[in-house]
Amino acid sequence: MEYKMKDLGYPRTPTSAKYRVEMPDGSLWEVPVQVIADSRDEHYSDEGEDTIGFIRGDGLGKFEIQDWAGNNMNWSDVKQYATQVFPAPKKIDWNDGWANGEHTVVGEI
């Protein structure tokens, strides 16, 4: 399912970057970074947060994406937007993979 950036009522910076996670079974999945940024920005909307804009302006590091995804989101929050880029050879614990798998931001934020 394609993801469209949330309208939080104030201007924010979009991104087409993907968040790549390796699950415990060795499969690789990509989720739009925008899903994660929207979750964070929505949480801090009273402050007018623009996660992507802050990262591009060096106000935040790319680590903020990994930190927010792993500590504030579950696999169930993103699975509908996830695309498998490498197949799974065995059954896995999706929530464990989302929180503890290898993570990488792919593409220009």
PDB file of N, CA and C in Angstrom:
ATOM      1  N   MET A   1       0.841  -1.175   0.000  1.00  0.00           N
ATOM      2  CA  MET A   1       0.000   0.000   0.000  1.00  0.00           C
ATOM      3  C   MET A   1       0.890   1.243   0.000  1.00  0.00           C
ATOM      4  N   GLU A   2       0.600   2.158  -0.872  1.00  0.00           N
ATOM      5  CA  GLU A   2       1.378   3.397  -0.939  1.00  0.00           C
ATOM      6  C   GLU A   2       1.000   4.314   0.219  1.00  0.00           C
ATOM      7  N   TYR A   3       2.004   4.988   0.749  1.00  0.00           N
ATOM      8  CA  TYR A   3       1.787   5.878   1.887  1.00  0.00           C
ATOM      9  C   TYR A   3       1.783   7.329   1.435  1.00  0.00           C
ATOM     10  N   LYS A   4       0.835   8.092   1.952  1.00  0.00           N
ATOM     11  CA  LYS A   4       0.757   9.520   1.680  1.00  0.00           C
ATOM     12  C   LYS A   4       1.022  10.268   2.987  1.00  0.00           C
ATOM     13  N   MET A   5       1.912  11.270   2.916  1.00  0.00           N
ATOM     14  CA  MET A   5       2.274  12.057   4.095  1.00  0.00           C
ATOM     15  C   MET A   5       1.023  12.630   4.765  1.00  0.00           C
ATOM     16  N   LYS A   6       0.969  12.538   6.089  1.00  0.00           N
ATOM     17  CA  LYS A   6      -0.161  13.084   6.842  1.00  0.00           C
ATOM     18  C   LYS A   6      -0.160  14.605   6.796  1.00  0.00           C
ATOM     19  N   ASP A   7      -1.346  15.178   6.759  1.00  0.00           N
ATOM     20  CA  ASP A   7      -1.501  16.627   6.869  1.00  0.00           C
ATOM     21  C   ASP A   7      -1.744  16.936   8.341  1.00  0.00           C
ATOM     22  N   LEU A   8      -0.758  17.516   8.986  1.00  0.00           N
ATOM     23  CA  LEU A   8      -0.875  17.844  10.406  1.00  0.00           C
ATOM     24  C   LEU A   8      -1.255  19.299  10.627  1.00  0.00           C
ATOM     25  N   GLY A   9      -1.551  20.011   9.542  1.00  0.00           N
ATOM     26  CA  GLY A   9      -2.015  21.384   9.659  1.00  0.00           C
ATOM     27  C   GLY A   9      -0.922  22.428   9.663  1.00  0.00           C
ATOM     28  N   TYR A  10       0.307  22.020   9.411  1.00  0.00           N
ATOM     29  CA  TYR A  10       1.419  22.967   9.311  1.00  0.00           C
ATOM     30  C   TYR A  10       2.416  22.401   8.301  1.00  0.00           C
ATOM     31  N   PRO A  11       3.247  23.263   7.712  1.00  0.00           N
ATOM     32  CA  PRO A  11       4.180  22.784   6.681  1.00  0.00           C
ATOM     33  C   PRO A  11       5.268  21.875   7.248  1.00  0.00           C
ATOM     34  N   ARG A  12       5.508  20.786   6.533  1.00  0.00           N
ATOM     35  CA  ARG A  12       6.568  19.846   6.899  1.00  0.00           C
ATOM     36  C   ARG A  12       7.277  19.396   5.631  1.00  0.00           C
ATOM     37  N   THR A  13       8.428  18.810   5.798  1.00  0.00           N
ATOM     38  CA  THR A  13       9.263  18.380   4.681  1.00  0.00           C
ATOM     39  C   THR A  13       9.000  16.911   4.362  1.00  0.00           C
ATOM     40  N   PRO A  14       8.651  16.595   3.117  1.00  0.00           N
ATOM     41  CA  PRO A  14       8.435  15.188   2.750  1.00  0.00           C
ATOM     42  C   PRO A  14       9.751  14.485   2.413  1.00  0.00           C
ATOM     43  N   THR A  15       9.705  13.159   2.409  1.00  0.00           N
ATOM     44  CA  THR A  15      10.854  12.353   2.000  1.00  0.00           C
ATOM     45  C   THR A  15      10.373  11.099   1.287  1.00  0.00           C
ATOM     46  N   SER A  16      11.196  10.613   0.390  1.00  0.00           N
ATOM     47  CA  SER A  16      10.910   9.340  -0.286  1.00  0.00           C
ATOM     48  C   SER A  16      11.838   8.238   0.225  1.00  0.00           C
ATOM     49  N   ALA A  17      12.630   8.531   1.259  1.00  0.00           N
ATOM     50  CA  ALA A  17      13.560   7.549   1.809  1.00  0.00           C
ATOM     51  C   ALA A  17      12.799   6.352   2.370  1.00  0.00           C
ATOM     52  N   LYS A  18      13.494   5.237   2.440  1.00  0.00           N
ATOM     53  CA  LYS A  18      12.936   4.002   2.991  1.00  0.00           C
ATOM     54  C   LYS A  18      13.723   3.604   4.236  1.00  0.00           C
ATOM     55  N   TYR A  19      13.041   3.022   5.180  1.00  0.00           N
ATOM     56  CA  TYR A  19      13.650   2.481   6.395  1.00  0.00           C
ATOM     57  C   TYR A  19      13.736   0.978   6.182  1.00  0.00           C
ATOM     58  N   ARG A  20      14.941   0.457   6.098  1.00  0.00           N
ATOM     59  CA  ARG A  20      15.148  -0.960   5.815  1.00  0.00           C
ATOM     60  C   ARG A  20      15.452  -1.680   7.121  1.00  0.00           C
ATOM     61  N   VAL A  21      14.748  -2.787   7.344  1.00  0.00           N
ATOM     62  CA  VAL A  21      14.950  -3.566   8.559  1.00  0.00           C
ATOM     63  C   VAL A  21      15.182  -5.027   8.185  1.00  0.00           C
ATOM     64  N   GLU A  22      16.173  -5.623   8.850  1.00  0.00           N
ATOM     65  CA  GLU A  22      16.406  -7.049   8.697  1.00  0.00           C
ATOM     66  C   GLU A  22      15.721  -7.757   9.849  1.00  0.00           C
ATOM     67  N   MET A  23      14.809  -8.651   9.511  1.00  0.00           N
ATOM     68  CA  MET A  23      14.075  -9.403  10.519  1.00  0.00           C
ATOM     69  C   MET A  23      14.919 -10.596  10.987  1.00  0.00           C
ATOM     70  N   PRO A  24      14.560 -11.184  12.126  1.00  0.00           N
ATOM     71  CA  PRO A  24      15.343 -12.295  12.669  1.00  0.00           C
ATOM     72  C   PRO A  24      15.502 -13.480  11.719  1.00  0.00           C
ATOM     73  N   ASP A  25      14.595 -13.628  10.761  1.00  0.00           N
ATOM     74  CA  ASP A  25      14.694 -14.731   9.811  1.00  0.00           C
ATOM     75  C   ASP A  25      15.595 -14.407   8.622  1.00  0.00           C
ATOM     76  N   GLY A  26      16.181 -13.213   8.617  1.00  0.00           N
ATOM     77  CA  GLY A  26      17.046 -12.813   7.520  1.00  0.00           C
ATOM     78  C   GLY A  26      16.343 -12.070   6.405  1.00  0.00           C
ATOM     79  N   SER A  27      15.021 -11.964   6.460  1.00  0.00           N
ATOM     80  CA  SER A  27      14.304 -11.226   5.421  1.00  0.00           C
ATOM     81  C   SER A  27      14.543  -9.724   5.597  1.00  0.00           C
ATOM     82  N   LEU A  28      14.505  -8.998   4.489  1.00  0.00           N
ATOM     83  CA  LEU A  28      14.651  -7.546   4.508  1.00  0.00           C
ATOM     84  C   LEU A  28      13.337  -6.909   4.095  1.00  0.00           C
ATOM     85  N   TRP A  29      12.970  -5.873   4.820  1.00  0.00           N
ATOM     86  CA  TRP A  29      11.734  -5.139   4.563  1.00  0.00           C
ATOM     87  C   TRP A  29      12.045  -3.653   4.511  1.00  0.00           C
ATOM     88  N   GLU A  30      11.288  -2.922   3.694  1.00  0.00           N
ATOM     89  CA  GLU A  30      11.411  -1.465   3.633  1.00  0.00           C
ATOM     90  C   GLU A  30      10.062  -0.828   3.932  1.00  0.00           C
ATOM     91  N   VAL A  31      10.131   0.231   4.725  1.00  0.00           N
ATOM     92  CA  VAL A  31       8.965   1.017   5.114  1.00  0.00           C
ATOM     93  C   VAL A  31       9.281   2.464   4.778  1.00  0.00           C
ATOM     94  N   PRO A  32       8.344   3.218   4.227  1.00  0.00           N
ATOM     95  CA  PRO A  32       8.614   4.637   3.974  1.00  0.00           C
ATOM     96  C   PRO A  32       9.009   5.363   5.270  1.00  0.00           C
ATOM     97  N   VAL A  33      10.129   6.077   5.228  1.00  0.00           N
ATOM     98  CA  VAL A  33      10.559   6.867   6.382  1.00  0.00           C
ATOM     99  C   VAL A  33       9.469   7.871   6.757  1.00  0.00           C
ATOM    100  N   GLN A  34       8.681   8.291   5.787  1.00  0.00           N
ATOM    101  CA  GLN A  34       7.614   9.266   6.050  1.00  0.00           C
ATOM    102  C   GLN A  34       6.623   8.745   7.086  1.00  0.00           C
ATOM    103  N   VAL A  35       6.359   7.431   7.108  1.00  0.00           N
ATOM    104  CA  VAL A  35       5.458   6.844   8.104  1.00  0.00           C
ATOM    105  C   VAL A  35       5.999   7.112   9.506  1.00  0.00           C
ATOM    106  N   ILE A  36       7.297   6.922   9.667  1.00  0.00           N
ATOM    107  CA  ILE A  36       7.942   7.111  10.969  1.00  0.00           C
ATOM    108  C   ILE A  36       7.987   8.594  11.329  1.00  0.00           C
ATOM    109  N   ALA A  37       8.367   9.424  10.370  1.00  0.00           N
ATOM    110  CA  ALA A  37       8.420  10.873  10.606  1.00  0.00           C
ATOM    111  C   ALA A  37       7.037  11.415  10.962  1.00  0.00           C
ATOM    112  N   ASP A  38       6.012  10.937  10.275  1.00  0.00           N
ATOM    113  CA  ASP A  38       4.653  11.387  10.578  1.00  0.00           C
ATOM    114  C   ASP A  38       4.246  11.007  11.994  1.00  0.00           C
ATOM    115  N   SER A  39       4.611   9.808  12.421  1.00  0.00           N
ATOM    116  CA  SER A  39       4.296   9.383  13.785  1.00  0.00           C
ATOM    117  C   SER A  39       4.960  10.301  14.803  1.00  0.00           C
ATOM    118  N   ARG A  40       6.237  10.594  14.581  1.00  0.00           N
ATOM    119  CA  ARG A  40       6.976  11.474  15.494  1.00  0.00           C
ATOM    120  C   ARG A  40       6.414  12.888  15.449  1.00  0.00           C
ATOM    121  N   ASP A  41       6.204  13.412  14.254  1.00  0.00           N
ATOM    122  CA  ASP A  41       5.691  14.782  14.118  1.00  0.00           C
ATOM    123  C   ASP A  41       4.304  14.920  14.730  1.00  0.00           C
ATOM    124  N   GLU A  42       3.483  13.908  14.559  1.00  0.00           N
ATOM    125  CA  GLU A  42       2.140  13.951  15.143  1.00  0.00           C
ATOM    126  C   GLU A  42       2.226  14.000  16.676  1.00  0.00           C
ATOM    127  N   HIS A  43       3.146  13.235  17.236  1.00  0.00           N
ATOM    128  CA  HIS A  43       3.330  13.237  18.692  1.00  0.00           C
ATOM    129  C   HIS A  43       3.752  14.626  19.188  1.00  0.00           C
ATOM    130  N   TYR A  44       4.607  15.300  18.418  1.00  0.00           N
ATOM    131  CA  TYR A  44       5.120  16.618  18.797  1.00  0.00           C
ATOM    132  C   TYR A  44       4.460  17.751  17.998  1.00  0.00           C
ATOM    133  N   SER A  45       3.247  17.529  17.554  1.00  0.00           N
ATOM    134  CA  SER A  45       2.596  18.533  16.692  1.00  0.00           C
ATOM    135  C   SER A  45       2.357  19.867  17.404  1.00  0.00           C
ATOM    136  N   ASP A  46       2.202  19.857  18.713  1.00  0.00           N
ATOM    137  CA  ASP A  46       2.028  21.122  19.443  1.00  0.00           C
ATOM    138  C   ASP A  46       3.252  22.021  19.307  1.00  0.00           C
ATOM    139  N   GLU A  47       4.422  21.393  19.080  1.00  0.00           N
ATOM    140  CA  GLU A  47       5.664  22.150  18.891  1.00  0.00           C
ATOM    141  C   GLU A  47       5.961  22.397  17.406  1.00  0.00           C
ATOM    142  N   GLY A  48       5.100  21.901  16.522  1.00  0.00           N
ATOM    143  CA  GLY A  48       5.312  22.092  15.094  1.00  0.00           C
ATOM    144  C   GLY A  48       6.513  21.323  14.555  1.00  0.00           C
ATOM    145  N   GLU A  49       6.754  20.130  15.069  1.00  0.00           N
ATOM    146  CA  GLU A  49       7.913  19.328  14.662  1.00  0.00           C
ATOM    147  C   GLU A  49       7.885  19.009  13.167  1.00  0.00           C
ATOM    148  N   ASP A  50       9.060  19.029  12.573  1.00  0.00           N
ATOM    149  CA  ASP A  50       9.289  18.638  11.178  1.00  0.00           C
ATOM    150  C   ASP A  50      10.541  17.763  11.184  1.00  0.00           C
ATOM    151  N   THR A  51      10.366  16.500  11.498  1.00  0.00           N
ATOM    152  CA  THR A  51      11.500  15.585  11.661  1.00  0.00           C
ATOM    153  C   THR A  51      12.427  15.613  10.457  1.00  0.00           C
ATOM    154  N   ILE A  52      11.884  15.479   9.263  1.00  0.00           N
ATOM    155  CA  ILE A  52      12.708  15.437   8.058  1.00  0.00           C
ATOM    156  C   ILE A  52      13.417  16.777   7.852  1.00  0.00           C
ATOM    157  N   GLY A  53      12.715  17.871   8.024  1.00  0.00           N
ATOM    158  CA  GLY A  53      13.330  19.196   7.906  1.00  0.00           C
ATOM    159  C   GLY A  53      14.446  19.392   8.909  1.00  0.00           C
ATOM    160  N   PHE A  54      14.241  18.915  10.141  1.00  0.00           N
ATOM    161  CA  PHE A  54      15.274  19.044  11.172  1.00  0.00           C
ATOM    162  C   PHE A  54      16.491  18.186  10.834  1.00  0.00           C
ATOM    163  N   ILE A  55      16.275  16.991  10.288  1.00  0.00           N
ATOM    164  CA  ILE A  55      17.406  16.138   9.912  1.00  0.00           C
ATOM    165  C   ILE A  55      18.187  16.802   8.779  1.00  0.00           C
ATOM    166  N   ARG A  56      17.491  17.311   7.791  1.00  0.00           N
ATOM    167  CA  ARG A  56      18.176  17.964   6.670  1.00  0.00           C
ATOM    168  C   ARG A  56      18.913  19.212   7.118  1.00  0.00           C
ATOM    169  N   GLY A  57      18.396  19.882   8.133  1.00  0.00           N
ATOM    170  CA  GLY A  57      19.032  21.092   8.646  1.00  0.00           C
ATOM    171  C   GLY A  57      20.014  20.827   9.770  1.00  0.00           C
ATOM    172  N   ASP A  58      20.337  19.597  10.014  1.00  0.00           N
ATOM    173  CA  ASP A  58      21.287  19.180  11.046  1.00  0.00           C
ATOM    174  C   ASP A  58      20.813  19.450  12.475  1.00  0.00           C
ATOM    175  N   GLY A  59      19.515  19.670  12.657  1.00  0.00           N
ATOM    176  CA  GLY A  59      18.972  19.831  14.001  1.00  0.00           C
ATOM    177  C   GLY A  59      18.743  18.490  14.695  1.00  0.00           C
ATOM    178  N   LEU A  60      18.606  17.439  13.891  1.00  0.00           N
ATOM    179  CA  LEU A  60      18.469  16.069  14.382  1.00  0.00           C
ATOM    180  C   LEU A  60      19.347  15.184  13.511  1.00  0.00           C
ATOM    181  N   GLY A  61      19.732  14.041  14.028  1.00  0.00           N
ATOM    182  CA  GLY A  61      20.485  13.078  13.234  1.00  0.00           C
ATOM    183  C   GLY A  61      19.564  12.013  12.664  1.00  0.00           C
ATOM    184  N   LYS A  62      20.055  11.262  11.676  1.00  0.00           N
ATOM    185  CA  LYS A  62      19.273  10.165  11.101  1.00  0.00           C
ATOM    186  C   LYS A  62      18.901   9.143  12.167  1.00  0.00           C
ATOM    187  N   PHE A  63      19.690   9.079  13.222  1.00  0.00           N
ATOM    188  CA  PHE A  63      19.413   8.138  14.305  1.00  0.00           C
ATOM    189  C   PHE A  63      18.013   8.354  14.878  1.00  0.00           C
ATOM    190  N   GLU A  64      17.504   9.579  14.796  1.00  0.00           N
ATOM    191  CA  GLU A  64      16.176   9.870  15.343  1.00  0.00           C
ATOM    192  C   GLU A  64      15.108   8.987  14.695  1.00  0.00           C
ATOM    193  N   ILE A  65      15.287   8.661  13.413  1.00  0.00           N
ATOM    194  CA  ILE A  65      14.341   7.785  12.719  1.00  0.00           C
ATOM    195  C   ILE A  65      14.381   6.394  13.357  1.00  0.00           C
ATOM    196  N   GLN A  66      15.575   5.853  13.532  1.00  0.00           N
ATOM    197  CA  GLN A  66      15.732   4.533  14.139  1.00  0.00           C
ATOM    198  C   GLN A  66      15.227   4.519  15.578  1.00  0.00           C
ATOM    199  N   ASP A  67      15.562   5.554  16.329  1.00  0.00           N
ATOM    200  CA  ASP A  67      15.153   5.641  17.727  1.00  0.00           C
ATOM    201  C   ASP A  67      13.630   5.678  17.843  1.00  0.00           C
ATOM    202  N   TRP A  68      12.987   6.525  17.048  1.00  0.00           N
ATOM    203  CA  TRP A  68      11.528   6.646  17.123  1.00  0.00           C
ATOM    204  C   TRP A  68      10.854   5.345  16.699  1.00  0.00           C
ATOM    205  N   ALA A  69      11.318   4.768  15.597  1.00  0.00           N
ATOM    206  CA  ALA A  69      10.712   3.533  15.087  1.00  0.00           C
ATOM    207  C   ALA A  69      10.839   2.397  16.103  1.00  0.00           C
ATOM    208  N   GLY A  70      12.021   2.211  16.649  1.00  0.00           N
ATOM    209  CA  GLY A  70      12.262   1.100  17.552  1.00  0.00           C
ATOM    210  C   GLY A  70      11.659   1.251  18.932  1.00  0.00           C
ATOM    211  N   ASN A  71      11.539   2.490  19.398  1.00  0.00           N
ATOM    212  CA  ASN A  71      11.078   2.721  20.768  1.00  0.00           C
ATOM    213  C   ASN A  71       9.645   3.223  20.890  1.00  0.00           C
ATOM    214  N   ASN A  72       9.059   3.659  19.783  1.00  0.00           N
ATOM    215  CA  ASN A  72       7.723   4.255  19.867  1.00  0.00           C
ATOM    216  C   ASN A  72       6.705   3.659  18.903  1.00  0.00           C
ATOM    217  N   MET A  73       7.145   2.734  18.065  1.00  0.00           N
ATOM    218  CA  MET A  73       6.245   2.134  17.088  1.00  0.00           C
ATOM    219  C   MET A  73       6.374   0.617  17.146  1.00  0.00           C
ATOM    220  N   ASN A  74       5.328  -0.053  16.689  1.00  0.00           N
ATOM    221  CA  ASN A  74       5.319  -1.502  16.569  1.00  0.00           C
ATOM    222  C   ASN A  74       5.220  -1.877  15.094  1.00  0.00           C
ATOM    223  N   TRP A  75       5.540  -3.126  14.805  1.00  0.00           N
ATOM    224  CA  TRP A  75       5.406  -3.629  13.439  1.00  0.00           C
ATOM    225  C   TRP A  75       3.986  -3.415  12.933  1.00  0.00           C
ATOM    226  N   SER A  76       3.007  -3.588  13.800  1.00  0.00           N
ATOM    227  CA  SER A  76       1.603  -3.419  13.395  1.00  0.00           C
ATOM    228  C   SER A  76       1.309  -1.994  12.916  1.00  0.00           C
ATOM    229  N   ASP A  77       2.113  -1.016  13.347  1.00  0.00           N
ATOM    230  CA  ASP A  77       1.929   0.377  12.914  1.00  0.00           C
ATOM    231  C   ASP A  77       2.390   0.599  11.477  1.00  0.00           C
ATOM    232  N   VAL A  78       3.269  -0.252  10.983  1.00  0.00           N
ATOM    233  CA  VAL A  78       3.886  -0.012   9.669  1.00  0.00           C
ATOM    234  C   VAL A  78       3.689  -1.135   8.662  1.00  0.00           C
ATOM    235  N   LYS A  79       3.243  -2.304   9.103  1.00  0.00           N
ATOM    236  CA  LYS A  79       3.246  -3.477   8.222  1.00  0.00           C
ATOM    237  C   LYS A  79       2.434  -3.283   6.944  1.00  0.00           C
ATOM    238  N   GLN A  80       1.383  -2.483   6.996  1.00  0.00           N
ATOM    239  CA  GLN A  80       0.583  -2.290   5.778  1.00  0.00           C
ATOM    240  C   GLN A  80       1.334  -1.506   4.704  1.00  0.00           C
ATOM    241  N   TYR A  81       2.397  -0.812   5.086  1.00  0.00           N
ATOM    242  CA  TYR A  81       3.196  -0.031   4.135  1.00  0.00           C
ATOM    243  C   TYR A  81       4.530  -0.704   3.815  1.00  0.00           C
ATOM    244  N   ALA A  82       4.805  -1.845   4.453  1.00  0.00           N
ATOM    245  CA  ALA A  82       6.084  -2.533   4.300  1.00  0.00           C
ATOM    246  C   ALA A  82       6.127  -3.316   2.986  1.00  0.00           C
ATOM    247  N   THR A  83       7.310  -3.313   2.394  1.00  0.00           N
ATOM    248  CA  THR A  83       7.571  -4.080   1.181  1.00  0.00           C
ATOM    249  C   THR A  83       8.738  -5.016   1.454  1.00  0.00           C
ATOM    250  N   GLN A  84       8.539  -6.287   1.171  1.00  0.00           N
ATOM    251  CA  GLN A  84       9.620  -7.248   1.371  1.00  0.00           C
ATOM    252  C   GLN A  84      10.586  -7.155   0.196  1.00  0.00           C
ATOM    253  N   VAL A  85      11.868  -6.960   0.506  1.00  0.00           N
ATOM    254  CA  VAL A  85      12.882  -6.858  -0.540  1.00  0.00           C
ATOM    255  C   VAL A  85      13.799  -8.080  -0.576  1.00  0.00           C
ATOM    256  N   PHE A  86      13.676  -8.959   0.426  1.00  0.00           N
ATOM    257  CA  PHE A  86      14.416 -10.216   0.447  1.00  0.00           C
ATOM    258  C   PHE A  86      13.546 -11.214   1.195  1.00  0.00           C
ATOM    259  N   PRO A  87      13.321 -12.395   0.639  1.00  0.00           N
ATOM    260  CA  PRO A  87      12.364 -13.335   1.236  1.00  0.00           C
ATOM    261  C   PRO A  87      12.784 -13.916   2.577  1.00  0.00           C
ATOM    262  N   ALA A  88      11.790 -14.406   3.286  1.00  0.00           N
ATOM    263  CA  ALA A  88      11.974 -14.990   4.616  1.00  0.00           C
ATOM    264  C   ALA A  88      12.165 -16.499   4.521  1.00  0.00           C
ATOM    265  N   PRO A  89      13.275 -17.021   5.009  1.00  0.00           N
ATOM    266  CA  PRO A  89      13.475 -18.460   4.981  1.00  0.00           C
ATOM    267  C   PRO A  89      12.800 -19.221   6.132  1.00  0.00           C
ATOM    268  N   LYS A  90      12.311 -18.525   7.181  1.00  0.00           N
ATOM    269  CA  LYS A  90      11.646 -19.207   8.296  1.00  0.00           C
ATOM    270  C   LYS A  90      10.639 -18.274   8.964  1.00  0.00           C
ATOM    271  N   LYS A  91       9.812 -18.808   9.892  1.00  0.00           N
ATOM    272  CA  LYS A  91       8.839 -17.994  10.618  1.00  0.00           C
ATOM    273  C   LYS A  91       9.574 -17.043  11.568  1.00  0.00           C
ATOM    274  N   ILE A  92       8.956 -15.860  11.791  1.00  0.00           N
ATOM    275  CA  ILE A  92       9.618 -14.867  12.631  1.00  0.00           C
ATOM    276  C   ILE A  92       8.661 -14.190  13.600  1.00  0.00           C
ATOM    277  N   ASP A  93       9.243 -13.517  14.580  1.00  0.00           N
ATOM    278  CA  ASP A  93       8.517 -12.665  15.520  1.00  0.00           C
ATOM    279  C   ASP A  93       8.616 -11.250  14.969  1.00  0.00           C
ATOM    280  N   TRP A  94       7.556 -10.764  14.348  1.00  0.00           N
ATOM    281  CA  TRP A  94       7.577  -9.464  13.667  1.00  0.00           C
ATOM    282  C   TRP A  94       7.865  -8.303  14.609  1.00  0.00           C
ATOM    283  N   ASN A  95       7.294  -8.326  15.799  1.00  0.00           N
ATOM    284  CA  ASN A  95       7.539  -7.222  16.734  1.00  0.00           C
ATOM    285  C   ASN A  95       8.984  -7.202  17.205  1.00  0.00           C
ATOM    286  N   ASP A  96       9.577  -8.366  17.444  1.00  0.00           N
ATOM    287  CA  ASP A  96      10.981  -8.421  17.820  1.00  0.00           C
ATOM    288  C   ASP A  96      11.859  -7.906  16.681  1.00  0.00           C
ATOM    289  N   GLY A  97      11.544  -8.312  15.479  1.00  0.00           N
ATOM    290  CA  GLY A  97      12.308  -7.852  14.322  1.00  0.00           C
ATOM    291  C   GLY A  97      12.227  -6.352  14.138  1.00  0.00           C
ATOM    292  N   TRP A  98      11.041  -5.812  14.291  1.00  0.00           N
ATOM    293  CA  TRP A  98      10.856  -4.368  14.118  1.00  0.00           C
ATOM    294  C   TRP A  98      11.652  -3.601  15.168  1.00  0.00           C
ATOM    295  N   ALA A  99      11.630  -4.057  16.407  1.00  0.00           N
ATOM    296  CA  ALA A  99      12.299  -3.339  17.487  1.00  0.00           C
ATOM    297  C   ALA A  99      13.802  -3.603  17.534  1.00  0.00           C
ATOM    298  N   ASN A 100      14.245  -4.831  17.174  1.00  0.00           N
ATOM    299  CA  ASN A 100      15.635  -5.214  17.406  1.00  0.00           C
ATOM    300  C   ASN A 100      16.418  -5.607  16.166  1.00  0.00           C
ATOM    301  N   GLY A 101      15.777  -5.638  15.002  1.00  0.00           N
ATOM    302  CA  GLY A 101      16.482  -6.016  13.777  1.00  0.00           C
ATOM    303  C   GLY A 101      17.474  -4.933  13.350  1.00  0.00           C
ATOM    304  N   GLU A 102      18.296  -5.274  12.362  1.00  0.00           N
ATOM    305  CA  GLU A 102      19.230  -4.291  11.801  1.00  0.00           C
ATOM    306  C   GLU A 102      18.418  -3.247  11.033  1.00  0.00           C
ATOM    307  N   HIS A 103      18.703  -1.959  11.242  1.00  0.00           N
ATOM    308  CA  HIS A 103      17.942  -0.872  10.638  1.00  0.00           C
ATOM    309  C   HIS A 103      18.853   0.036   9.833  1.00  0.00           C
ATOM    310  N   THR A 104      18.348   0.535   8.726  1.00  0.00           N
ATOM    311  CA  THR A 104      19.087   1.451   7.872  1.00  0.00           C
ATOM    312  C   THR A 104      18.102   2.398   7.212  1.00  0.00           C
ATOM    313  N   VAL A 105      18.457   3.663   7.103  1.00  0.00           N
ATOM    314  CA  VAL A 105      17.675   4.620   6.304  1.00  0.00           C
ATOM    315  C   VAL A 105      18.247   4.570   4.898  1.00  0.00           C
ATOM    316  N   VAL A 106      17.403   4.314   3.896  1.00  0.00           N
ATOM    317  CA  VAL A 106      17.841   4.198   2.516  1.00  0.00           C
ATOM    318  C   VAL A 106      17.303   5.377   1.722  1.00  0.00           C
ATOM    319  N   GLY A 107      18.152   6.108   1.055  1.00  0.00           N
ATOM    320  CA  GLY A 107      17.726   7.251   0.249  1.00  0.00           C
ATOM    321  C   GLY A 107      17.979   8.567   0.947  1.00  0.00           C
ATOM    322  N   GLU A 108      17.851   9.621   0.193  1.00  0.00           N
ATOM    323  CA  GLU A 108      18.109  10.981   0.680  1.00  0.00           C
ATOM    324  C   GLU A 108      16.925  11.468   1.512  1.00  0.00           C
ATOM    325  N   ILE A 109      17.189  11.908   2.722  1.00  0.00           N
ATOM    326  CA  ILE A 109      16.126  12.458   3.584  1.00  0.00           C
ATOM    327  C   ILE A 109      16.035  13.946   3.310  1.00  0.00           C
TER     328      ILE A 109
END
